[in-house]
PDB file of all heavy atoms in Angstrom:
ATOM      1  N   SER A   1     140.355 -27.205  28.273  1.00  0.00           N
ATOM      2  CA  SER A   1     141.470 -28.180  28.471  1.00  0.00           C
ATOM      3  C   SER A   1     141.386 -28.901  29.799  1.00  0.00           C
ATOM      4  O   SER A   1     141.961 -29.918  29.981  1.00  0.00           O
ATOM      5  CB  SER A   1     142.783 -27.421  28.341  1.00  0.00           C
ATOM      6  OG  SER A   1     143.056 -26.664  29.483  1.00  0.00           O
ATOM      7  N   ARG A   2     140.633 -28.331  30.754  1.00  0.00           N
ATOM      8  CA  ARG A   2     140.466 -28.910  32.075  1.00  0.00           C
ATOM      9  C   ARG A   2     139.380 -29.999  32.122  1.00  0.00           C
ATOM     10  O   ARG A   2     139.386 -30.832  33.003  1.00  0.00           O
ATOM     11  CB  ARG A   2     140.111 -27.837  33.139  1.00  0.00           C
ATOM     12  CG  ARG A   2     140.940 -26.594  32.992  1.00  0.00           C
ATOM     13  CD  ARG A   2     142.359 -26.872  33.433  1.00  0.00           C
ATOM     14  NE  ARG A   2     143.238 -25.707  33.192  1.00  0.00           N
ATOM     15  CZ  ARG A   2     144.518 -25.734  33.381  1.00  0.00           C
ATOM     16  NH1 ARG A   2     145.169 -26.781  33.882  1.00  0.00           N
ATOM     17  NH2 ARG A   2     145.255 -24.621  33.151  1.00  0.00           N
ATOM     18  N   ILE A   3     138.425 -29.950  31.165  1.00  0.00           N
ATOM     19  CA  ILE A   3     137.307 -30.855  31.261  1.00  0.00           C
ATOM     20  C   ILE A   3     137.537 -32.083  30.481  1.00  0.00           C
ATOM     21  O   ILE A   3     137.733 -32.060  29.262  1.00  0.00           O
ATOM     22  CB  ILE A   3     136.040 -30.050  30.736  1.00  0.00           C
ATOM     23  CG1 ILE A   3     135.782 -28.808  31.625  1.00  0.00           C
ATOM     24  CG2 ILE A   3     134.867 -30.986  30.758  1.00  0.00           C
ATOM     25  CD1 ILE A   3     134.668 -27.935  31.059  1.00  0.00           C
ATOM     26  N   ARG A   4     137.530 -33.210  31.159  1.00  0.00           N
ATOM     27  CA  ARG A   4     137.754 -34.501  30.583  1.00  0.00           C
ATOM     28  C   ARG A   4     136.480 -35.026  29.860  1.00  0.00           C
ATOM     29  O   ARG A   4     135.348 -34.839  30.410  1.00  0.00           O
ATOM     30  CB  ARG A   4     138.276 -35.529  31.587  1.00  0.00           C
ATOM     31  CG  ARG A   4     139.388 -35.117  32.434  1.00  0.00           C
ATOM     32  CD  ARG A   4     140.643 -34.733  31.700  1.00  0.00           C
ATOM     33  NE  ARG A   4     141.753 -34.397  32.565  1.00  0.00           N
ATOM     34  CZ  ARG A   4     142.490 -33.384  32.377  1.00  0.00           C
ATOM     35  NH1 ARG A   4     142.391 -32.615  31.285  1.00  0.00           N
ATOM     36  NH2 ARG A   4     143.512 -33.082  33.259  1.00  0.00           N
ATOM     37  N   ILE A   5     136.662 -35.614  28.698  1.00  0.00           N
ATOM     38  CA  ILE A   5     135.515 -36.086  27.954  1.00  0.00           C
ATOM     39  C   ILE A   5     135.253 -37.565  28.259  1.00  0.00           C
ATOM     40  O   ILE A   5     136.092 -38.417  28.121  1.00  0.00           O
ATOM     41  CB  ILE A   5     135.814 -35.940  26.450  1.00  0.00           C
ATOM     42  CG1 ILE A   5     136.112 -34.507  26.105  1.00  0.00           C
ATOM     43  CG2 ILE A   5     134.577 -36.431  25.654  1.00  0.00           C
ATOM     44  CD1 ILE A   5     135.040 -33.472  26.470  1.00  0.00           C
ATOM     45  N   ILE A   6     134.040 -37.850  28.786  1.00  0.00           N
ATOM     46  CA  ILE A   6     133.592 -39.166  29.048  1.00  0.00           C
ATOM     47  C   ILE A   6     132.567 -39.641  27.982  1.00  0.00           C
ATOM     48  O   ILE A   6     132.123 -38.835  27.180  1.00  0.00           O
ATOM     49  CB  ILE A   6     132.975 -39.261  30.393  1.00  0.00           C
ATOM     50  CG1 ILE A   6     131.620 -38.463  30.496  1.00  0.00           C
ATOM     51  CG2 ILE A   6     133.942 -38.776  31.502  1.00  0.00           C
ATOM     52  CD1 ILE A   6     130.853 -38.616  31.750  1.00  0.00           C
ATOM     53  N   SER A   7     132.278 -40.880  28.016  1.00  0.00           N
ATOM     54  CA  SER A   7     131.202 -41.381  27.109  1.00  0.00           C
ATOM     55  C   SER A   7     129.876 -40.814  27.597  1.00  0.00           C
ATOM     56  O   SER A   7     129.545 -40.905  28.782  1.00  0.00           O
ATOM     57  CB  SER A   7     131.202 -42.886  27.111  1.00  0.00           C
ATOM     58  OG  SER A   7     130.015 -43.393  26.503  1.00  0.00           O
ATOM     59  N   SER A   8     129.062 -40.436  26.650  1.00  0.00           N
ATOM     60  CA  SER A   8     127.736 -39.919  27.034  1.00  0.00           C
ATOM     61  C   SER A   8     126.878 -40.924  27.630  1.00  0.00           C
ATOM     62  O   SER A   8     125.954 -40.654  28.367  1.00  0.00           O
ATOM     63  CB  SER A   8     127.031 -39.291  25.764  1.00  0.00           C
ATOM     64  OG  SER A   8     126.901 -40.320  24.765  1.00  0.00           O
ATOM     65  N   GLU A   9     127.215 -42.235  27.396  1.00  0.00           N
ATOM     66  CA  GLU A   9     126.420 -43.341  27.972  1.00  0.00           C
ATOM     67  C   GLU A   9     126.594 -43.310  29.519  1.00  0.00           C
ATOM     68  O   GLU A   9     125.777 -43.961  30.175  1.00  0.00           O
ATOM     69  CB  GLU A   9     126.931 -44.646  27.396  1.00  0.00           C
ATOM     70  CG  GLU A   9     126.637 -44.832  25.951  1.00  0.00           C
ATOM     71  CD  GLU A   9     127.108 -46.208  25.387  1.00  0.00           C
ATOM     72  OE1 GLU A   9     127.479 -47.020  26.230  1.00  0.00           O
ATOM     73  OE2 GLU A   9     127.059 -46.379  24.149  1.00  0.00           O
ATOM     74  N   HIS A  10     127.649 -42.694  30.013  1.00  0.00           N
ATOM     75  CA  HIS A  10     127.852 -42.735  31.465  1.00  0.00           C
ATOM     76  C   HIS A  10     127.695 -41.303  32.087  1.00  0.00           C
ATOM     77  O   HIS A  10     128.086 -41.101  33.222  1.00  0.00           O
ATOM     78  CB  HIS A  10     129.281 -43.224  31.727  1.00  0.00           C
ATOM     79  CG  HIS A  10     129.465 -44.630  31.273  1.00  0.00           C
ATOM     80  ND1 HIS A  10     128.902 -45.733  31.884  1.00  0.00           N
ATOM     81  CD2 HIS A  10     130.299 -45.112  30.246  1.00  0.00           C
ATOM     82  CE1 HIS A  10     129.302 -46.789  31.272  1.00  0.00           C
ATOM     83  NE2 HIS A  10     130.122 -46.502  30.259  1.00  0.00           N
ATOM     84  N   ALA A  11     127.068 -40.452  31.395  1.00  0.00           N
ATOM     85  CA  ALA A  11     126.885 -39.061  31.866  1.00  0.00           C
ATOM     86  C   ALA A  11     126.089 -39.029  33.150  1.00  0.00           C
ATOM     87  O   ALA A  11     126.268 -38.142  34.020  1.00  0.00           O
ATOM     88  CB  ALA A  11     126.208 -38.197  30.860  1.00  0.00           C
ATOM     89  N   ASP A  12     125.152 -39.935  33.369  1.00  0.00           N
ATOM     90  CA  ASP A  12     124.318 -39.962  34.587  1.00  0.00           C
ATOM     91  C   ASP A  12     124.873 -40.898  35.690  1.00  0.00           C
ATOM     92  O   ASP A  12     124.223 -41.039  36.718  1.00  0.00           O
ATOM     93  CB  ASP A  12     122.908 -40.327  34.250  1.00  0.00           C
ATOM     94  CG  ASP A  12     122.224 -39.361  33.322  1.00  0.00           C
ATOM     95  OD1 ASP A  12     122.551 -38.119  33.427  1.00  0.00           O
ATOM     96  OD2 ASP A  12     121.400 -39.752  32.418  1.00  0.00           O
ATOM     97  N   ASP A  13     125.970 -41.524  35.411  1.00  0.00           N
ATOM     98  CA  ASP A  13     126.540 -42.399  36.436  1.00  0.00           C
ATOM     99  C   ASP A  13     127.165 -41.667  37.628  1.00  0.00           C
ATOM    100  O   ASP A  13     127.564 -40.551  37.487  1.00  0.00           O
ATOM    101  CB  ASP A  13     127.667 -43.273  35.807  1.00  0.00           C
ATOM    102  CG  ASP A  13     127.105 -44.352  34.914  1.00  0.00           C
ATOM    103  OD1 ASP A  13     125.836 -44.292  34.598  1.00  0.00           O
ATOM    104  OD2 ASP A  13     127.822 -45.204  34.418  1.00  0.00           O
ATOM    105  N   ASP A  14     127.094 -42.287  38.816  1.00  0.00           N
ATOM    106  CA  ASP A  14     127.634 -41.644  39.976  1.00  0.00           C
ATOM    107  C   ASP A  14     129.101 -41.908  40.183  1.00  0.00           C
ATOM    108  O   ASP A  14     129.753 -42.656  39.395  1.00  0.00           O
ATOM    109  CB  ASP A  14     126.841 -42.087  41.210  1.00  0.00           C
ATOM    110  CG  ASP A  14     126.860 -43.599  41.417  1.00  0.00           C
ATOM    111  OD1 ASP A  14     127.729 -44.288  40.780  1.00  0.00           O
ATOM    112  OD2 ASP A  14     126.080 -44.111  42.296  1.00  0.00           O
ATOM    113  N   VAL A  15     129.637 -41.363  41.229  1.00  0.00           N
ATOM    114  CA  VAL A  15     131.084 -41.476  41.494  1.00  0.00           C
ATOM    115  C   VAL A  15     131.448 -42.952  41.668  1.00  0.00           C
ATOM    116  O   VAL A  15     132.523 -43.394  41.166  1.00  0.00           O
ATOM    117  CB  VAL A  15     131.406 -40.737  42.813  1.00  0.00           C
ATOM    118  CG1 VAL A  15     132.834 -41.059  43.293  1.00  0.00           C
ATOM    119  CG2 VAL A  15     131.310 -39.224  42.574  1.00  0.00           C
ATOM    120  N   ALA A  16     130.656 -43.755  42.384  1.00  0.00           N
ATOM    121  CA  ALA A  16     130.955 -45.139  42.563  1.00  0.00           C
ATOM    122  C   ALA A  16     131.184 -45.912  41.293  1.00  0.00           C
ATOM    123  O   ALA A  16     132.018 -46.863  41.188  1.00  0.00           O
ATOM    124  CB  ALA A  16     129.829 -45.793  43.371  1.00  0.00           C
ATOM    125  N   ALA A  17     130.371 -45.577  40.186  1.00  0.00           N
ATOM    126  CA  ALA A  17     130.493 -46.272  38.946  1.00  0.00           C
ATOM    127  C   ALA A  17     131.892 -45.966  38.280  1.00  0.00           C
ATOM    128  O   ALA A  17     132.381 -46.812  37.569  1.00  0.00           O
ATOM    129  CB  ALA A  17     129.354 -45.863  38.046  1.00  0.00           C
ATOM    130  N   PHE A  18     132.398 -44.795  38.540  1.00  0.00           N
ATOM    131  CA  PHE A  18     133.711 -44.463  37.994  1.00  0.00           C
ATOM    132  C   PHE A  18     134.784 -45.200  38.861  1.00  0.00           C
ATOM    133  O   PHE A  18     135.792 -45.713  38.284  1.00  0.00           O
ATOM    134  CB  PHE A  18     133.983 -42.953  37.955  1.00  0.00           C
ATOM    135  CG  PHE A  18     133.256 -42.273  36.839  1.00  0.00           C
ATOM    136  CD1 PHE A  18     131.930 -41.908  36.995  1.00  0.00           C
ATOM    137  CD2 PHE A  18     133.908 -42.015  35.665  1.00  0.00           C
ATOM    138  CE1 PHE A  18     131.280 -41.242  35.966  1.00  0.00           C
ATOM    139  CE2 PHE A  18     133.282 -41.410  34.595  1.00  0.00           C
ATOM    140  CZ  PHE A  18     131.927 -41.002  34.790  1.00  0.00           C
ATOM    141  N   ASP A  19     134.585 -45.188  40.151  1.00  0.00           N
ATOM    142  CA  ASP A  19     135.620 -45.761  41.049  1.00  0.00           C
ATOM    143  C   ASP A  19     135.748 -47.289  40.835  1.00  0.00           C
ATOM    144  O   ASP A  19     136.799 -47.837  41.046  1.00  0.00           O
ATOM    145  CB  ASP A  19     135.364 -45.419  42.486  1.00  0.00           C
ATOM    146  CG  ASP A  19     135.493 -43.957  42.755  1.00  0.00           C
ATOM    147  OD1 ASP A  19     136.128 -43.259  41.906  1.00  0.00           O
ATOM    148  OD2 ASP A  19     135.172 -43.517  43.868  1.00  0.00           O
ATOM    149  N   ASN A  20     134.576 -47.935  40.483  1.00  0.00           N
ATOM    150  CA  ASN A  20     134.753 -49.432  40.275  1.00  0.00           C
ATOM    151  C   ASN A  20     135.029 -49.782  38.790  1.00  0.00           C
ATOM    152  O   ASN A  20     135.179 -50.934  38.504  1.00  0.00           O
ATOM    153  CB  ASN A  20     133.469 -50.114  40.786  1.00  0.00           C
ATOM    154  CG  ASN A  20     132.234 -49.769  39.914  1.00  0.00           C
ATOM    155  OD1 ASN A  20     132.295 -49.485  38.735  1.00  0.00           O
ATOM    156  ND2 ASN A  20     131.032 -49.811  40.571  1.00  0.00           N
ATOM    157  N   GLY A  21     135.191 -48.760  38.026  1.00  0.00           N
ATOM    158  CA  GLY A  21     135.590 -48.962  36.613  1.00  0.00           C
ATOM    159  C   GLY A  21     134.472 -49.011  35.582  1.00  0.00           C
ATOM    160  O   GLY A  21     134.729 -48.897  34.442  1.00  0.00           O
ATOM    161  N   THR A  22     133.252 -49.194  36.033  1.00  0.00           N
ATOM    162  CA  THR A  22     132.150 -49.324  35.100  1.00  0.00           C
ATOM    163  C   THR A  22     132.027 -48.142  34.171  1.00  0.00           C
ATOM    164  O   THR A  22     131.801 -48.295  32.950  1.00  0.00           O
ATOM    165  CB  THR A  22     130.781 -49.462  35.872  1.00  0.00           C
ATOM    166  OG1 THR A  22     130.879 -50.548  36.783  1.00  0.00           O
ATOM    167  CG2 THR A  22     129.614 -49.675  34.906  1.00  0.00           C
ATOM    168  N   ALA A  23     132.131 -46.952  34.729  1.00  0.00           N
ATOM    169  CA  ALA A  23     132.009 -45.727  33.942  1.00  0.00           C
ATOM    170  C   ALA A  23     133.346 -45.128  33.552  1.00  0.00           C
ATOM    171  O   ALA A  23     133.382 -44.062  32.820  1.00  0.00           O
ATOM    172  CB  ALA A  23     131.181 -44.736  34.655  1.00  0.00           C
ATOM    173  N   ALA A  24     134.486 -45.656  34.000  1.00  0.00           N
ATOM    174  CA  ALA A  24     135.748 -45.063  33.685  1.00  0.00           C
ATOM    175  C   ALA A  24     136.217 -45.455  32.360  1.00  0.00           C
ATOM    176  O   ALA A  24     137.233 -46.136  32.196  1.00  0.00           O
ATOM    177  CB  ALA A  24     136.793 -45.524  34.776  1.00  0.00           C
ATOM    178  N   VAL A  25     135.500 -44.995  31.388  1.00  0.00           N
ATOM    179  CA  VAL A  25     135.768 -45.324  29.981  1.00  0.00           C
ATOM    180  C   VAL A  25     136.058 -44.011  29.181  1.00  0.00           C
ATOM    181  O   VAL A  25     135.161 -43.175  29.027  1.00  0.00           O
ATOM    182  CB  VAL A  25     134.470 -46.023  29.350  1.00  0.00           C
ATOM    183  CG1 VAL A  25     134.763 -46.344  27.916  1.00  0.00           C
ATOM    184  CG2 VAL A  25     134.101 -47.217  30.156  1.00  0.00           C
ATOM    185  N   GLY A  26     137.335 -43.891  28.866  1.00  0.00           N
ATOM    186  CA  GLY A  26     137.736 -42.695  28.166  1.00  0.00           C
ATOM    187  C   GLY A  26     138.312 -42.985  26.782  1.00  0.00           C
ATOM    188  O   GLY A  26     138.082 -44.110  26.284  1.00  0.00           O
TER     189      GLY A  26
END
Protein backbone atom coordinates (compact mmCIF):
# COMPACT_ATOMS: atom_id res chain seq x y z
CA SER A 1 0.00 0.00 0.00
CA ARG A 2 3.03 2.29 0.44
CA ILE A 3 4.50 1.71 -3.01
CA ARG A 4 3.11 3.93 -5.74
CA ILE A 5 2.73 2.48 -9.21
CA ILE A 6 4.41 4.39 -12.03
CA SER A 7 4.49 3.65 -15.74
CA SER A 8 7.14 1.08 -16.59
CA GLU A 9 8.21 3.43 -19.39
CA HIS A 10 9.64 5.74 -16.71
CA ALA A 11 11.20 3.12 -14.42
CA ASP A 12 14.72 4.24 -15.33
CA ASP A 13 14.01 7.97 -15.12
CA ASP A 14 15.78 10.06 -12.51
CA VAL A 15 14.36 12.38 -9.86
CA ALA A 16 14.60 15.41 -12.16
CA ALA A 17 12.30 13.77 -14.71
CA PHE A 18 9.60 13.39 -12.06
CA ASP A 19 10.10 16.89 -10.72
CA ASN A 20 9.70 18.50 -14.14
CA GLY A 21 6.65 16.35 -14.86
CA THR A 22 8.08 14.23 -17.67
CA ALA A 23 7.88 11.03 -15.61
CA ALA A 24 5.15 12.11 -13.16
CA VAL A 25 2.60 9.98 -14.95
CA GLY A 26 0.33 7.97 -12.69
